[in-house]
């Protein structure tokens, strides 16, 4: 019972209090890069997609909201000698671009 039983109202309310999907509301959000891995056994690829869709529906700003699904990644990211570096480079590029540092 590490996380509690959601059938018990006390645990259900607690879990809902930190659920990213259930806490989306109509307001401004910062620039967001949401990532998913198609082969993730812990967080199914559709969960970040569903969260992204809800954010896009409710957010009230014009900030960037990007969903990137890696078709070869699992929960710990992609496998391969240099694949994780490509992921890190993409994340840095997103941050630099949203800060206006996109010297192309």
PDB file of N, CA and C in Angstrom:
ATOM      1  N   UNK A   1       0.820  -1.193   0.000  1.00  0.00           N
ATOM      2  CA  UNK A   1       0.000   0.000   0.000  1.00  0.00           C
ATOM      3  C   UNK A   1       0.863   1.255   0.000  1.00  0.00           C
ATOM      4  N   UNK A   2       1.858   1.246  -0.850  1.00  0.00           N
ATOM      5  CA  UNK A   2       2.764   2.394  -0.917  1.00  0.00           C
ATOM      6  C   UNK A   2       2.022   3.691  -1.235  1.00  0.00           C
ATOM      7  N   UNK A   3       1.076   3.637  -2.149  1.00  0.00           N
ATOM      8  CA  UNK A   3       0.378   4.844  -2.586  1.00  0.00           C
ATOM      9  C   UNK A   3      -1.032   4.941  -2.023  1.00  0.00           C
ATOM     10  N   UNK A   4      -1.528   3.895  -1.412  1.00  0.00           N
ATOM     11  CA  UNK A   4      -2.893   3.915  -0.894  1.00  0.00           C
ATOM     12  C   UNK A   4      -3.869   3.336  -1.901  1.00  0.00           C
ATOM     13  N   UNK A   5      -5.056   3.061  -1.444  1.00  0.00           N
ATOM     14  CA  UNK A   5      -6.089   2.470  -2.272  1.00  0.00           C
ATOM     15  C   UNK A   5      -7.063   3.566  -2.704  1.00  0.00           C
ATOM     16  N   UNK A   6      -7.194   3.822  -4.012  1.00  0.00           N
ATOM     17  CA  UNK A   6      -8.086   4.892  -4.456  1.00  0.00           C
ATOM     18  C   UNK A   6      -9.560   4.613  -4.173  1.00  0.00           C
ATOM     19  N   UNK A   7      -9.889   3.396  -3.767  1.00  0.00           N
ATOM     20  CA  UNK A   7     -11.271   3.106  -3.370  1.00  0.00           C
ATOM     21  C   UNK A   7     -11.607   3.777  -2.043  1.00  0.00           C
ATOM     22  N   UNK A   8     -10.576   4.066  -1.262  1.00  0.00           N
ATOM     23  CA  UNK A   8     -10.744   4.781   0.008  1.00  0.00           C
ATOM     24  C   UNK A   8     -10.732   6.277  -0.310  1.00  0.00           C
ATOM     25  N   UNK A   9     -11.782   6.983   0.055  1.00  0.00           N
ATOM     26  CA  UNK A   9     -11.951   8.395  -0.304  1.00  0.00           C
ATOM     27  C   UNK A   9     -10.765   9.263   0.144  1.00  0.00           C
ATOM     28  N   UNK A  10     -10.208   8.984   1.303  1.00  0.00           N
ATOM     29  CA  UNK A  10      -9.074   9.772   1.802  1.00  0.00           C
ATOM     30  C   UNK A  10      -7.888   9.648   0.844  1.00  0.00           C
ATOM     31  N   UNK A  11      -7.576   8.420   0.430  1.00  0.00           N
ATOM     32  CA  UNK A  11      -6.467   8.208  -0.497  1.00  0.00           C
ATOM     33  C   UNK A  11      -6.794   8.762  -1.881  1.00  0.00           C
ATOM     34  N   UNK A  12      -8.032   8.595  -2.311  1.00  0.00           N
ATOM     35  CA  UNK A  12      -8.443   9.124  -3.611  1.00  0.00           C
ATOM     36  C   UNK A  12      -8.228  10.634  -3.668  1.00  0.00           C
ATOM     37  N   UNK A  13      -8.701  11.327  -2.650  1.00  0.00           N
ATOM     38  CA  UNK A  13      -8.543  12.784  -2.612  1.00  0.00           C
ATOM     39  C   UNK A  13      -7.071  13.187  -2.593  1.00  0.00           C
ATOM     40  N   UNK A  14      -6.260  12.432  -1.852  1.00  0.00           N
ATOM     41  CA  UNK A  14      -4.831  12.734  -1.794  1.00  0.00           C
ATOM     42  C   UNK A  14      -4.182  12.533  -3.163  1.00  0.00           C
ATOM     43  N   UNK A  15      -4.479  11.412  -3.823  1.00  0.00           N
ATOM     44  CA  UNK A  15      -3.912  11.136  -5.148  1.00  0.00           C
ATOM     45  C   UNK A  15      -4.348  12.193  -6.159  1.00  0.00           C
ATOM     46  N   UNK A  16      -5.595  12.586  -6.088  1.00  0.00           N
ATOM     47  CA  UNK A  16      -6.107  13.595  -7.021  1.00  0.00           C
ATOM     48  C   UNK A  16      -5.426  14.945  -6.807  1.00  0.00           C
ATOM     49  N   UNK A  17      -4.987  15.204  -5.575  1.00  0.00           N
ATOM     50  CA  UNK A  17      -4.356  16.493  -5.273  1.00  0.00           C
ATOM     51  C   UNK A  17      -3.022  16.676  -6.001  1.00  0.00           C
ATOM     52  N   UNK A  18      -2.354  15.581  -6.368  1.00  0.00           N
ATOM     53  CA  UNK A  18      -1.074  15.710  -7.080  1.00  0.00           C
ATOM     54  C   UNK A  18      -1.124  15.143  -8.506  1.00  0.00           C
ATOM     55  N   UNK A  19      -2.305  14.816  -8.979  1.00  0.00           N
ATOM     56  CA  UNK A  19      -2.465  14.301 -10.336  1.00  0.00           C
ATOM     57  C   UNK A  19      -2.311  15.431 -11.354  1.00  0.00           C
ATOM     58  N   UNK A  20      -1.319  15.367 -12.239  1.00  0.00           N
ATOM     59  CA  UNK A  20      -1.135  16.445 -13.214  1.00  0.00           C
ATOM     60  C   UNK A  20      -2.383  16.680 -14.068  1.00  0.00           C
ATOM     61  N   UNK A  21      -3.014  15.618 -14.517  1.00  0.00           N
ATOM     62  CA  UNK A  21      -4.183  15.756 -15.385  1.00  0.00           C
ATOM     63  C   UNK A  21      -5.350  16.406 -14.648  1.00  0.00           C
ATOM     64  N   UNK A  22      -5.594  15.976 -13.439  1.00  0.00           N
ATOM     65  CA  UNK A  22      -6.746  16.477 -12.684  1.00  0.00           C
ATOM     66  C   UNK A  22      -6.553  17.888 -12.152  1.00  0.00           C
ATOM     67  N   UNK A  23      -5.354  18.406 -12.226  1.00  0.00           N
ATOM     68  CA  UNK A  23      -5.094  19.748 -11.709  1.00  0.00           C
ATOM     69  C   UNK A  23      -4.906  20.798 -12.803  1.00  0.00           C
ATOM     70  N   UNK A  24      -5.194  20.441 -14.041  1.00  0.00           N
ATOM     71  CA  UNK A  24      -5.147  21.428 -15.123  1.00  0.00           C
ATOM     72  C   UNK A  24      -6.364  22.329 -14.984  1.00  0.00           C
ATOM     73  N   UNK A  25      -6.117  23.623 -15.096  1.00  0.00           N
ATOM     74  CA  UNK A  25      -7.217  24.585 -15.013  1.00  0.00           C
ATOM     75  C   UNK A  25      -6.980  25.713 -16.006  1.00  0.00           C
ATOM     76  N   UNK A  26      -8.007  26.497 -16.224  1.00  0.00           N
ATOM     77  CA  UNK A  26      -7.909  27.628 -17.149  1.00  0.00           C
ATOM     78  C   UNK A  26      -7.048  28.713 -16.522  1.00  0.00           C
ATOM     79  N   UNK A  27      -5.814  28.822 -16.986  1.00  0.00           N
ATOM     80  CA  UNK A  27      -4.881  29.840 -16.507  1.00  0.00           C
ATOM     81  C   UNK A  27      -3.689  29.874 -17.446  1.00  0.00           C
ATOM     82  N   UNK A  28      -2.787  30.812 -17.215  1.00  0.00           N
ATOM     83  CA  UNK A  28      -1.546  30.875 -17.986  1.00  0.00           C
ATOM     84  C   UNK A  28      -0.579  29.805 -17.493  1.00  0.00           C
ATOM     85  N   UNK A  29       0.120  29.188 -18.442  1.00  0.00           N
ATOM     86  CA  UNK A  29       1.152  28.206 -18.129  1.00  0.00           C
ATOM     87  C   UNK A  29       2.455  28.667 -18.771  1.00  0.00           C
ATOM     88  N   UNK A  30       3.584  28.263 -18.230  1.00  0.00           N
ATOM     89  CA  UNK A  30       4.860  28.609 -18.869  1.00  0.00           C
ATOM     90  C   UNK A  30       5.037  27.796 -20.151  1.00  0.00           C
ATOM     91  N   UNK A  31       6.077  28.090 -20.904  1.00  0.00           N
ATOM     92  CA  UNK A  31       6.416  27.244 -22.044  1.00  0.00           C
ATOM     93  C   UNK A  31       6.639  25.829 -21.531  1.00  0.00           C
ATOM     94  N   UNK A  32       6.056  24.854 -22.218  1.00  0.00           N
ATOM     95  CA  UNK A  32       6.149  23.471 -21.752  1.00  0.00           C
ATOM     96  C   UNK A  32       6.615  22.544 -22.864  1.00  0.00           C
ATOM     97  N   UNK A  33       7.590  21.708 -22.542  1.00  0.00           N
ATOM     98  CA  UNK A  33       8.007  20.598 -23.391  1.00  0.00           C
ATOM     99  C   UNK A  33       7.605  19.340 -22.641  1.00  0.00           C
ATOM    100  N   UNK A  34       6.644  18.620 -23.178  1.00  0.00           N
ATOM    101  CA  UNK A  34       6.157  17.393 -22.557  1.00  0.00           C
ATOM    102  C   UNK A  34       6.702  16.236 -23.380  1.00  0.00           C
ATOM    103  N   UNK A  35       7.330  15.277 -22.715  1.00  0.00           N
ATOM    104  CA  UNK A  35       7.935  14.159 -23.432  1.00  0.00           C
ATOM    105  C   UNK A  35       7.265  12.851 -23.047  1.00  0.00           C
ATOM    106  N   UNK A  36       7.290  11.926 -23.992  1.00  0.00           N
ATOM    107  CA  UNK A  36       6.722  10.596 -23.776  1.00  0.00           C
ATOM    108  C   UNK A  36       7.583   9.588 -24.515  1.00  0.00           C
ATOM    109  N   UNK A  37       7.547   8.356 -24.036  1.00  0.00           N
ATOM    110  CA  UNK A  37       8.222   7.255 -24.706  1.00  0.00           C
ATOM    111  C   UNK A  37       7.194   6.207 -25.085  1.00  0.00           C
ATOM    112  N   UNK A  38       7.190   5.796 -26.328  1.00  0.00           N
ATOM    113  CA  UNK A  38       6.199   4.837 -26.797  1.00  0.00           C
ATOM    114  C   UNK A  38       6.266   3.522 -26.030  1.00  0.00           C
ATOM    115  N   UNK A  39       7.454   3.132 -25.591  1.00  0.00           N
ATOM    116  CA  UNK A  39       7.637   1.844 -24.917  1.00  0.00           C
ATOM    117  C   UNK A  39       7.756   1.968 -23.406  1.00  0.00           C
ATOM    118  N   UNK A  40       7.226   3.037 -22.844  1.00  0.00           N
ATOM    119  CA  UNK A  40       7.305   3.261 -21.398  1.00  0.00           C
ATOM    120  C   UNK A  40       6.295   2.361 -20.686  1.00  0.00           C
ATOM    121  N   UNK A  41       6.766   1.433 -19.833  1.00  0.00           N
ATOM    122  CA  UNK A  41       5.838   0.540 -19.131  1.00  0.00           C
ATOM    123  C   UNK A  41       5.168   1.192 -17.921  1.00  0.00           C
ATOM    124  N   UNK A  42       5.645   2.363 -17.500  1.00  0.00           N
ATOM    125  CA  UNK A  42       5.091   3.016 -16.307  1.00  0.00           C
ATOM    126  C   UNK A  42       4.112   4.136 -16.645  1.00  0.00           C
ATOM    127  N   UNK A  43       4.431   4.886 -17.681  1.00  0.00           N
ATOM    128  CA  UNK A  43       3.564   5.986 -18.119  1.00  0.00           C
ATOM    129  C   UNK A  43       3.251   5.735 -19.593  1.00  0.00           C
ATOM    130  N   UNK A  44       2.046   5.267 -19.863  1.00  0.00           N
ATOM    131  CA  UNK A  44       1.664   4.961 -21.244  1.00  0.00           C
ATOM    132  C   UNK A  44       1.742   6.224 -22.101  1.00  0.00           C
ATOM    133  N   UNK A  45       2.112   6.060 -23.360  1.00  0.00           N
ATOM    134  CA  UNK A  45       2.315   7.208 -24.252  1.00  0.00           C
ATOM    135  C   UNK A  45       1.088   8.103 -24.354  1.00  0.00           C
ATOM    136  N   UNK A  46      -0.088   7.530 -24.178  1.00  0.00           N
ATOM    137  CA  UNK A  46      -1.309   8.337 -24.309  1.00  0.00           C
ATOM    138  C   UNK A  46      -1.562   9.228 -23.094  1.00  0.00           C
ATOM    139  N   UNK A  47      -0.944   8.941 -21.957  1.00  0.00           N
ATOM    140  CA  UNK A  47      -1.160   9.787 -20.775  1.00  0.00           C
ATOM    141  C   UNK A  47      -0.590  11.196 -20.967  1.00  0.00           C
ATOM    142  N   UNK A  48       0.670  11.355 -21.400  1.00  0.00           N
ATOM    143  CA  UNK A  48       1.150  12.710 -21.695  1.00  0.00           C
ATOM    144  C   UNK A  48       0.365  13.362 -22.838  1.00  0.00           C
ATOM    145  N   UNK A  49      -0.084  12.561 -23.816  1.00  0.00           N
ATOM    146  CA  UNK A  49      -0.871  13.118 -24.923  1.00  0.00           C
ATOM    147  C   UNK A  49      -2.205  13.653 -24.416  1.00  0.00           C
ATOM    148  N   UNK A  50      -2.836  12.914 -23.532  1.00  0.00           N
ATOM    149  CA  UNK A  50      -4.117  13.346 -22.954  1.00  0.00           C
ATOM    150  C   UNK A  50      -3.925  14.612 -22.114  1.00  0.00           C
ATOM    151  N   UNK A  51      -2.857  14.652 -21.336  1.00  0.00           N
ATOM    152  CA  UNK A  51      -2.551  15.825 -20.511  1.00  0.00           C
ATOM    153  C   UNK A  51      -2.297  17.043 -21.401  1.00  0.00           C
ATOM    154  N   UNK A  52      -1.520  16.837 -22.479  1.00  0.00           N
ATOM    155  CA  UNK A  52      -1.231  17.915 -23.418  1.00  0.00           C
ATOM    156  C   UNK A  52      -2.515  18.450 -24.043  1.00  0.00           C
ATOM    157  N   UNK A  53      -3.407  17.550 -24.449  1.00  0.00           N
ATOM    158  CA  UNK A  53      -4.672  17.976 -25.058  1.00  0.00           C
ATOM    159  C   UNK A  53      -5.497  18.806 -24.082  1.00  0.00           C
ATOM    160  N   UNK A  54      -5.541  18.396 -22.829  1.00  0.00           N
ATOM    161  CA  UNK A  54      -6.307  19.156 -21.834  1.00  0.00           C
ATOM    162  C   UNK A  54      -5.672  20.523 -21.597  1.00  0.00           C
ATOM    163  N   UNK A  55      -4.350  20.567 -21.523  1.00  0.00           N
ATOM    164  CA  UNK A  55      -3.656  21.849 -21.374  1.00  0.00           C
ATOM    165  C   UNK A  55      -3.955  22.768 -22.559  1.00  0.00           C
ATOM    166  N   UNK A  56      -3.899  22.230 -23.767  1.00  0.00           N
ATOM    167  CA  UNK A  56      -4.157  23.045 -24.961  1.00  0.00           C
ATOM    168  C   UNK A  56      -5.580  23.594 -24.961  1.00  0.00           C
ATOM    169  N   UNK A  57      -6.510  22.820 -24.437  1.00  0.00           N
ATOM    170  CA  UNK A  57      -7.908  23.249 -24.389  1.00  0.00           C
ATOM    171  C   UNK A  57      -8.127  24.354 -23.368  1.00  0.00           C
ATOM    172  N   UNK A  58      -7.467  24.263 -22.217  1.00  0.00           N
ATOM    173  CA  UNK A  58      -7.771  25.166 -21.109  1.00  0.00           C
ATOM    174  C   UNK A  58      -6.800  26.325 -20.919  1.00  0.00           C
ATOM    175  N   UNK A  59      -5.573  26.214 -21.400  1.00  0.00           N
ATOM    176  CA  UNK A  59      -4.607  27.280 -21.115  1.00  0.00           C
ATOM    177  C   UNK A  59      -5.038  28.588 -21.762  1.00  0.00           C
ATOM    178  N   UNK A  60      -4.705  29.682 -21.110  1.00  0.00           N
ATOM    179  CA  UNK A  60      -5.181  30.998 -21.537  1.00  0.00           C
ATOM    180  C   UNK A  60      -4.076  31.870 -22.136  1.00  0.00           C
ATOM    181  N   UNK A  61      -2.906  31.311 -22.350  1.00  0.00           N
ATOM    182  CA  UNK A  61      -1.771  32.081 -22.859  1.00  0.00           C
ATOM    183  C   UNK A  61      -1.409  31.635 -24.270  1.00  0.00           C
ATOM    184  N   UNK A  62      -0.394  32.247 -24.806  1.00  0.00           N
ATOM    185  CA  UNK A  62       0.117  31.902 -26.144  1.00  0.00           C
ATOM    186  C   UNK A  62       1.485  31.228 -26.055  1.00  0.00           C
ATOM    187  N   UNK A  63       1.875  30.771 -24.880  1.00  0.00           N
ATOM    188  CA  UNK A  63       3.183  30.141 -24.698  1.00  0.00           C
ATOM    189  C   UNK A  63       3.257  28.807 -25.435  1.00  0.00           C
ATOM    190  N   UNK A  64       4.473  28.383 -25.701  1.00  0.00           N
ATOM    191  CA  UNK A  64       4.713  27.138 -26.428  1.00  0.00           C
ATOM    192  C   UNK A  64       4.296  25.947 -25.575  1.00  0.00           C
ATOM    193  N   UNK A  65       3.606  25.008 -26.217  1.00  0.00           N
ATOM    194  CA  UNK A  65       3.232  23.744 -25.572  1.00  0.00           C
ATOM    195  C   UNK A  65       3.518  22.652 -26.591  1.00  0.00           C
ATOM    196  N   UNK A  66       4.591  21.907 -26.358  1.00  0.00           N
ATOM    197  CA  UNK A  66       5.064  20.924 -27.325  1.00  0.00           C
ATOM    198  C   UNK A  66       5.070  19.537 -26.696  1.00  0.00           C
ATOM    199  N   UNK A  67       4.485  18.583 -27.405  1.00  0.00           N
ATOM    200  CA  UNK A  67       4.539  17.178 -26.997  1.00  0.00           C
ATOM    201  C   UNK A  67       5.481  16.463 -27.949  1.00  0.00           C
ATOM    202  N   UNK A  68       6.514  15.822 -27.392  1.00  0.00           N
ATOM    203  CA  UNK A  68       7.468  15.051 -28.191  1.00  0.00           C
ATOM    204  C   UNK A  68       7.402  13.603 -27.725  1.00  0.00           C
ATOM    205  N   UNK A  69       6.985  12.724 -28.613  1.00  0.00           N
ATOM    206  CA  UNK A  69       6.910  11.302 -28.295  1.00  0.00           C
ATOM    207  C   UNK A  69       8.042  10.585 -29.014  1.00  0.00           C
ATOM    208  N   UNK A  70       8.923   9.968 -28.245  1.00  0.00           N
ATOM    209  CA  UNK A  70      10.037   9.209 -28.807  1.00  0.00           C
ATOM    210  C   UNK A  70       9.545   7.789 -29.051  1.00  0.00           C
ATOM    211  N   UNK A  71       9.534   7.373 -30.307  1.00  0.00           N
ATOM    212  CA  UNK A  71       8.993   6.066 -30.664  1.00  0.00           C
ATOM    213  C   UNK A  71       9.902   4.914 -30.261  1.00  0.00           C
ATOM    214  N   UNK A  72      11.116   5.204 -29.813  1.00  0.00           N
ATOM    215  CA  UNK A  72      12.036   4.147 -29.419  1.00  0.00           C
ATOM    216  C   UNK A  72      12.440   4.209 -27.961  1.00  0.00           C
ATOM    217  N   UNK A  73      11.737   5.004 -27.167  1.00  0.00           N
ATOM    218  CA  UNK A  73      12.142   5.207 -25.768  1.00  0.00           C
ATOM    219  C   UNK A  73      11.204   4.503 -24.802  1.00  0.00           C
ATOM    220  N   UNK A  74      11.764   4.201 -23.636  1.00  0.00           N
ATOM    221  CA  UNK A  74      10.991   3.664 -22.529  1.00  0.00           C
ATOM    222  C   UNK A  74      10.930   4.685 -21.414  1.00  0.00           C
ATOM    223  N   UNK A  75      10.767   4.226 -20.180  1.00  0.00           N
ATOM    224  CA  UNK A  75      10.615   5.143 -19.056  1.00  0.00           C
ATOM    225  C   UNK A  75      11.899   5.918 -18.767  1.00  0.00           C
ATOM    226  N   UNK A  76      13.037   5.301 -18.988  1.00  0.00           N
ATOM    227  CA  UNK A  76      14.312   5.962 -18.720  1.00  0.00           C
ATOM    228  C   UNK A  76      14.870   6.694 -19.923  1.00  0.00           C
ATOM    229  N   UNK A  77      14.083   6.833 -20.961  1.00  0.00           N
ATOM    230  CA  UNK A  77      14.549   7.488 -22.173  1.00  0.00           C
ATOM    231  C   UNK A  77      14.972   6.465 -23.210  1.00  0.00           C
ATOM    232  N   UNK A  78      15.585   6.925 -24.276  1.00  0.00           N
ATOM    233  CA  UNK A  78      15.981   6.017 -25.352  1.00  0.00           C
ATOM    234  C   UNK A  78      17.215   5.204 -24.974  1.00  0.00           C
ATOM    235  N   UNK A  79      17.360   4.056 -25.609  1.00  0.00           N
ATOM    236  CA  UNK A  79      18.566   3.266 -25.391  1.00  0.00           C
ATOM    237  C   UNK A  79      19.529   3.531 -26.543  1.00  0.00           C
ATOM    238  N   UNK A  80      20.726   3.120 -26.370  1.00  0.00           N
ATOM    239  CA  UNK A  80      21.748   3.375 -27.383  1.00  0.00           C
ATOM    240  C   UNK A  80      22.827   4.268 -26.810  1.00  0.00           C
ATOM    241  N   UNK A  81      23.989   4.134 -27.380  1.00  0.00           N
ATOM    242  CA  UNK A  81      25.159   4.812 -26.832  1.00  0.00           C
ATOM    243  C   UNK A  81      25.013   6.330 -26.759  1.00  0.00           C
ATOM    244  N   UNK A  82      24.468   6.938 -27.796  1.00  0.00           N
ATOM    245  CA  UNK A  82      24.395   8.396 -27.842  1.00  0.00           C
ATOM    246  C   UNK A  82      22.966   8.935 -27.864  1.00  0.00           C
ATOM    247  N   UNK A  83      21.993   8.066 -27.826  1.00  0.00           N
ATOM    248  CA  UNK A  83      20.603   8.512 -27.957  1.00  0.00           C
ATOM    249  C   UNK A  83      20.185   9.466 -26.839  1.00  0.00           C
ATOM    250  N   UNK A  84      20.646   9.213 -25.626  1.00  0.00           N
ATOM    251  CA  UNK A  84      20.255  10.100 -24.525  1.00  0.00           C
ATOM    252  C   UNK A  84      20.807  11.511 -24.736  1.00  0.00           C
ATOM    253  N   UNK A  85      21.970  11.605 -25.401  1.00  0.00           N
ATOM    254  CA  UNK A  85      22.544  12.923 -25.680  1.00  0.00           C
ATOM    255  C   UNK A  85      21.685  13.700 -26.677  1.00  0.00           C
ATOM    256  N   UNK A  86      21.071  12.991 -27.615  1.00  0.00           N
ATOM    257  CA  UNK A  86      20.153  13.639 -28.554  1.00  0.00           C
ATOM    258  C   UNK A  86      18.944  14.194 -27.808  1.00  0.00           C
ATOM    259  N   UNK A  87      18.463  13.449 -26.824  1.00  0.00           N
ATOM    260  CA  UNK A  87      17.325  13.916 -26.017  1.00  0.00           C
ATOM    261  C   UNK A  87      17.709  15.160 -25.221  1.00  0.00           C
ATOM    262  N   UNK A  88      18.871  15.125 -24.597  1.00  0.00           N
ATOM    263  CA  UNK A  88      19.340  16.280 -23.819  1.00  0.00           C
ATOM    264  C   UNK A  88      19.521  17.488 -24.737  1.00  0.00           C
ATOM    265  N   UNK A  89      20.089  17.269 -25.913  1.00  0.00           N
ATOM    266  CA  UNK A  89      20.286  18.366 -26.868  1.00  0.00           C
ATOM    267  C   UNK A  89      18.945  18.963 -27.284  1.00  0.00           C
ATOM    268  N   UNK A  90      17.942  18.115 -27.492  1.00  0.00           N
ATOM    269  CA  UNK A  90      16.612  18.608 -27.858  1.00  0.00           C
ATOM    270  C   UNK A  90      16.027  19.462 -26.740  1.00  0.00           C
ATOM    271  N   UNK A  91      16.181  18.995 -25.506  1.00  0.00           N
ATOM    272  CA  UNK A  91      15.661  19.752 -24.358  1.00  0.00           C
ATOM    273  C   UNK A  91      16.362  21.108 -24.225  1.00  0.00           C
ATOM    274  N   UNK A  92      17.681  21.117 -24.383  1.00  0.00           N
ATOM    275  CA  UNK A  92      18.420  22.387 -24.337  1.00  0.00           C
ATOM    276  C   UNK A  92      17.987  23.306 -25.477  1.00  0.00           C
ATOM    277  N   UNK A  93      17.803  22.746 -26.656  1.00  0.00           N
ATOM    278  CA  UNK A  93      17.366  23.551 -27.804  1.00  0.00           C
ATOM    279  C   UNK A  93      15.996  24.168 -27.541  1.00  0.00           C
ATOM    280  N   UNK A  94      15.106  23.405 -26.928  1.00  0.00           N
ATOM    281  CA  UNK A  94      13.778  23.934 -26.592  1.00  0.00           C
ATOM    282  C   UNK A  94      13.901  25.110 -25.629  1.00  0.00           C
ATOM    283  N   UNK A  95      14.693  24.933 -24.591  1.00  0.00           N
ATOM    284  CA  UNK A  95      14.869  26.005 -23.602  1.00  0.00           C
ATOM    285  C   UNK A  95      15.483  27.239 -24.259  1.00  0.00           C
ATOM    286  N   UNK A  96      16.552  27.047 -25.011  1.00  0.00           N
ATOM    287  CA  UNK A  96      17.213  28.183 -25.658  1.00  0.00           C
ATOM    288  C   UNK A  96      16.278  28.881 -26.647  1.00  0.00           C
ATOM    289  N   UNK A  97      15.506  28.109 -27.398  1.00  0.00           N
ATOM    290  CA  UNK A  97      14.580  28.694 -28.360  1.00  0.00           C
ATOM    291  C   UNK A  97      13.490  29.501 -27.662  1.00  0.00           C
ATOM    292  N   UNK A  98      12.934  28.968 -26.590  1.00  0.00           N
ATOM    293  CA  UNK A  98      11.872  29.701 -25.891  1.00  0.00           C
ATOM    294  C   UNK A  98      12.414  30.933 -25.174  1.00  0.00           C
ATOM    295  N   UNK A  99      13.716  30.960 -24.915  1.00  0.00           N
ATOM    296  CA  UNK A  99      14.337  32.151 -24.330  1.00  0.00           C
ATOM    297  C   UNK A  99      14.787  33.146 -25.401  1.00  0.00           C
ATOM    298  N   UNK A 100      14.566  32.795 -26.657  1.00  0.00           N
ATOM    299  CA  UNK A 100      14.939  33.693 -27.745  1.00  0.00           C
ATOM    300  C   UNK A 100      16.378  33.573 -28.180  1.00  0.00           C
ATOM    301  N   UNK A 101      17.039  32.513 -27.785  1.00  0.00           N
ATOM    302  CA  UNK A 101      18.454  32.314 -28.123  1.00  0.00           C
ATOM    303  C   UNK A 101      18.587  31.336 -29.283  1.00  0.00           C
ATOM    304  N   UNK A 102      17.829  31.559 -30.336  1.00  0.00           N
ATOM    305  CA  UNK A 102      17.826  30.628 -31.466  1.00  0.00           C
ATOM    306  C   UNK A 102      18.634  31.179 -32.634  1.00  0.00           C
ATOM    307  N   UNK A 103      19.912  31.223 -32.472  1.00  0.00           N
ATOM    308  CA  UNK A 103      20.810  31.725 -33.517  1.00  0.00           C
ATOM    309  C   UNK A 103      20.924  30.688 -34.618  1.00  0.00           C
ATOM    310  N   UNK A 104      20.102  30.836 -35.639  1.00  0.00           N
ATOM    311  CA  UNK A 104      20.117  29.856 -36.732  1.00  0.00           C
ATOM    312  C   UNK A 104      20.959  30.314 -37.882  1.00  0.00           C
TER     313      UNK A 104
END
